C-alpha atoms as a PDB file:
ATOM      1  CA  MET A   1     -37.494  16.200 -22.875  1.00  0.00           C
ATOM      2  CA  GLU A   2     -36.466  17.313 -19.406  1.00  0.00           C
ATOM      3  CA  ILE A   3     -34.104  20.214 -18.846  1.00  0.00           C
ATOM      4  CA  SER A   4     -32.475  20.463 -15.489  1.00  0.00           C
ATOM      5  CA  GLY A   5     -30.474  23.366 -14.183  1.00  0.00           C
ATOM      6  CA  PRO A   6     -27.382  23.439 -11.993  1.00  0.00           C
ATOM      7  CA  GLY A   7     -27.719  21.440  -8.820  1.00  0.00           C
ATOM      8  CA  ARG A   8     -30.668  19.456 -10.145  1.00  0.00           C
ATOM      9  CA  THR A   9     -28.620  16.259 -10.296  1.00  0.00           C
ATOM     10  CA  ASP A  10     -27.465  16.649  -6.697  1.00  0.00           C
ATOM     11  CA  ARG A  11     -31.044  17.164  -5.503  1.00  0.00           C
ATOM     12  CA  SER A  12     -32.243  14.109  -7.423  1.00  0.00           C
ATOM     13  CA  ARG A  13     -29.391  12.026  -5.990  1.00  0.00           C
ATOM     14  CA  HIS A  14     -30.248  13.199  -2.461  1.00  0.00           C
ATOM     15  CA  ILE A  15     -33.906  12.204  -2.871  1.00  0.00           C
ATOM     16  CA  TYR A  16     -32.875   8.841  -4.342  1.00  0.00           C
ATOM     17  CA  LEU A  17     -30.502   8.150  -1.434  1.00  0.00           C
ATOM     18  CA  GLN A  18     -33.222   9.028   1.069  1.00  0.00           C
ATOM     19  CA  LYS A  19     -35.491   6.446  -0.562  1.00  0.00           C
ATOM     20  CA  VAL A  20     -32.728   3.826  -0.496  1.00  0.00           C
ATOM     21  CA  VAL A  21     -32.062   4.466   3.204  1.00  0.00           C
ATOM     22  CA  LYS A  22     -35.806   4.194   3.949  1.00  0.00           C
ATOM     23  CA  LYS A  23     -36.052   0.842   2.136  1.00  0.00           C
ATOM     24  CA  LEU A  24     -32.958  -0.473   3.920  1.00  0.00           C
ATOM     25  CA  ARG A  25     -34.443   0.454   7.295  1.00  0.00           C
ATOM     26  CA  GLN A  26     -37.741  -1.228   6.375  1.00  0.00           C
ATOM     27  CA  ALA A  27     -35.762  -4.366   5.574  1.00  0.00           C
ATOM     28  CA  GLY A  28     -34.107  -4.214   9.001  1.00  0.00           C
ATOM     29  CA  ILE A  29     -30.739  -3.119   7.684  1.00  0.00           C
ATOM     30  CA  SER A  30     -28.997  -0.162   9.269  1.00  0.00           C
ATOM     31  CA  PRO A  31     -27.423   1.911   6.483  1.00  0.00           C
ATOM     32  CA  GLY A  32     -24.881   3.336   8.906  1.00  0.00           C
ATOM     33  CA  GLY A  33     -24.047  -0.076  10.276  1.00  0.00           C
ATOM     34  CA  GLU A  34     -20.744  -1.663  11.048  1.00  0.00           C
ATOM     35  CA  ALA A  35     -17.737  -0.489   9.109  1.00  0.00           C
ATOM     36  CA  ASP A  36     -15.709  -2.912   7.053  1.00  0.00           C
ATOM     37  CA  GLU A  37     -12.268  -3.762   8.357  1.00  0.00           C
ATOM     38  CA  VAL A  38      -9.123  -4.466   6.414  1.00  0.00           C
ATOM     39  CA  GLU A  39      -6.216  -6.412   7.831  1.00  0.00           C
ATOM     40  CA  ILE A  40      -2.914  -6.288   5.995  1.00  0.00           C
ATOM     41  CA  SER A  41      -0.564  -9.227   6.452  1.00  0.00           C
ATOM     42  CA  ASP A  42       3.186  -8.959   6.945  1.00  0.00           C
ATOM     43  CA  VAL A  43       3.636 -10.084   3.347  1.00  0.00           C
ATOM     44  CA  GLY A  44       1.264  -7.340   2.195  1.00  0.00           C
ATOM     45  CA  ARG A  45       3.223  -4.734   4.162  1.00  0.00           C
ATOM     46  CA  PHE A  46       6.480  -6.027   2.690  1.00  0.00           C
ATOM     47  CA  LEU A  47       5.082  -5.892  -0.851  1.00  0.00           C
ATOM     48  CA  SER A  48       3.870  -2.352  -0.205  1.00  0.00           C
ATOM     49  CA  TYR A  49       7.371  -1.435   0.987  1.00  0.00           C
ATOM     50  CA  LEU A  50       8.910  -2.960  -2.134  1.00  0.00           C
ATOM     51  CA  SER A  51       6.536  -1.048  -4.397  1.00  0.00           C
ATOM     52  CA  GLN A  52       7.748   2.221  -2.887  1.00  0.00           C
ATOM     53  CA  LEU A  53      11.433   1.574  -3.564  1.00  0.00           C
ATOM     54  CA  PRO A  54      13.068   3.759  -6.203  1.00  0.00           C
ATOM     55  CA  GLU A  55      13.732   2.398  -9.672  1.00  0.00           C
ATOM     56  CA  VAL A  56      16.793   0.232 -10.217  1.00  0.00           C
ATOM     57  CA  ARG A  57      19.814   2.136 -11.495  1.00  0.00           C
ATOM     58  CA  GLN A  58      21.169  -0.412 -13.932  1.00  0.00           C
ATOM     59  CA  GLU A  59      24.530   1.342 -14.360  1.00  0.00           C
ATOM     60  CA  ARG A  60      25.128   1.060 -10.589  1.00  0.00           C
ATOM     61  CA  VAL A  61      24.109  -2.602 -10.599  1.00  0.00           C
ATOM     62  CA  ASP A  62      26.507  -3.320 -13.476  1.00  0.00           C
ATOM     63  CA  ALA A  63      29.388  -1.539 -11.710  1.00  0.00           C
ATOM     64  CA  LEU A  64      28.803  -3.507  -8.501  1.00  0.00           C
ATOM     65  CA  ARG A  65      28.540  -6.758 -10.454  1.00  0.00           C
ATOM     66  CA  ARG A  66      31.963  -6.072 -12.033  1.00  0.00           C
ATOM     67  CA  GLN A  67      33.469  -5.355  -8.576  1.00  0.00           C
ATOM     68  CA  ILE A  68      32.044  -8.592  -7.156  1.00  0.00           C
ATOM     69  CA  GLU A  69      33.267 -10.653 -10.097  1.00  0.00           C
ATOM     70  CA  GLY A  70      36.708  -9.033  -9.811  1.00  0.00           C
ATOM     71  CA  GLY A  71      36.953  -9.845  -6.085  1.00  0.00           C
ATOM     72  CA  GLU A  72      37.040  -6.131  -5.200  1.00  0.00           C
ATOM     73  CA  TYR A  73      33.774  -6.080  -3.236  1.00  0.00           C
ATOM     74  CA  ASP A  74      33.169  -7.482   0.259  1.00  0.00           C
ATOM     75  CA  ALA A  75      29.666  -8.762  -0.416  1.00  0.00           C
ATOM     76  CA  ASP A  76      29.152 -10.593   2.895  1.00  0.00           C
ATOM     77  CA  SER A  77      29.433  -7.490   5.092  1.00  0.00           C
ATOM     78  CA  LYS A  78      27.331  -5.451   2.654  1.00  0.00           C
ATOM     79  CA  VAL A  79      24.568  -8.060   2.616  1.00  0.00           C
ATOM     80  CA  GLU A  80      24.368  -7.935   6.422  1.00  0.00           C
ATOM     81  CA  GLU A  81      24.169  -4.112   6.350  1.00  0.00           C
ATOM     82  CA  ILE A  82      21.450  -4.178   3.691  1.00  0.00           C
ATOM     83  CA  VAL A  83      19.366  -6.772   5.550  1.00  0.00           C
ATOM     84  CA  ASP A  84      19.659  -4.744   8.770  1.00  0.00           C
ATOM     85  CA  ASP A  85      18.561  -1.580   6.914  1.00  0.00           C
ATOM     86  CA  ILE A  86      15.549  -3.344   5.403  1.00  0.00           C
ATOM     87  CA  LEU A  87      14.530  -4.796   8.770  1.00  0.00           C
ATOM     88  CA  GLU A  88      14.893  -1.369  10.387  1.00  0.00           C
ATOM     89  CA  ASP A  89      12.730   0.213   7.665  1.00  0.00           C
ATOM     90  CA  LEU A  90      10.075  -2.421   8.380  1.00  0.00           C
ATOM     91  CA  GLY A  91      10.231  -1.687  12.102  1.00  0.00           C
ATOM     92  CA  ILE A  92      11.784  -5.064  12.933  1.00  0.00           C
ATOM     93  CA  PRO A  93      14.876  -4.952  15.165  1.00  0.00           C
ATOM     94  CA  PRO A  94      17.787  -6.617  13.379  1.00  0.00           C
ATOM     95  CA  ALA A  95      19.308  -9.698  14.983  1.00  0.00           C
ATOM     96  CA  ARG A  96      22.852  -9.074  16.129  1.00  0.00           C
ATOM     97  CA  VAL A  97      25.219 -12.011  15.861  1.00  0.00           C
ATOM     98  CA  GLY A  98      28.542 -12.149  17.589  1.00  0.00           C
END
């Protein structure tokens, strides 16, 4: 049975990593070689944006649905405002028509 005191694990890990680095170098591999790169697509950025949106307030959705169904809500102008806001949040200049 082996008893190790505080810090023993860190020392063992350090020695192990030194051996791994030595073997990598012997194999012609540089352990501090090129870094990996990640490229995020526009779709990925959009999905990330969507995941950060607040939760849906169902009572507000229901109230707006009743206004739309009752003809009390000008949906066309609101849709344009919402699309422009989303595009602005994504850093895309909104297209102005008219």
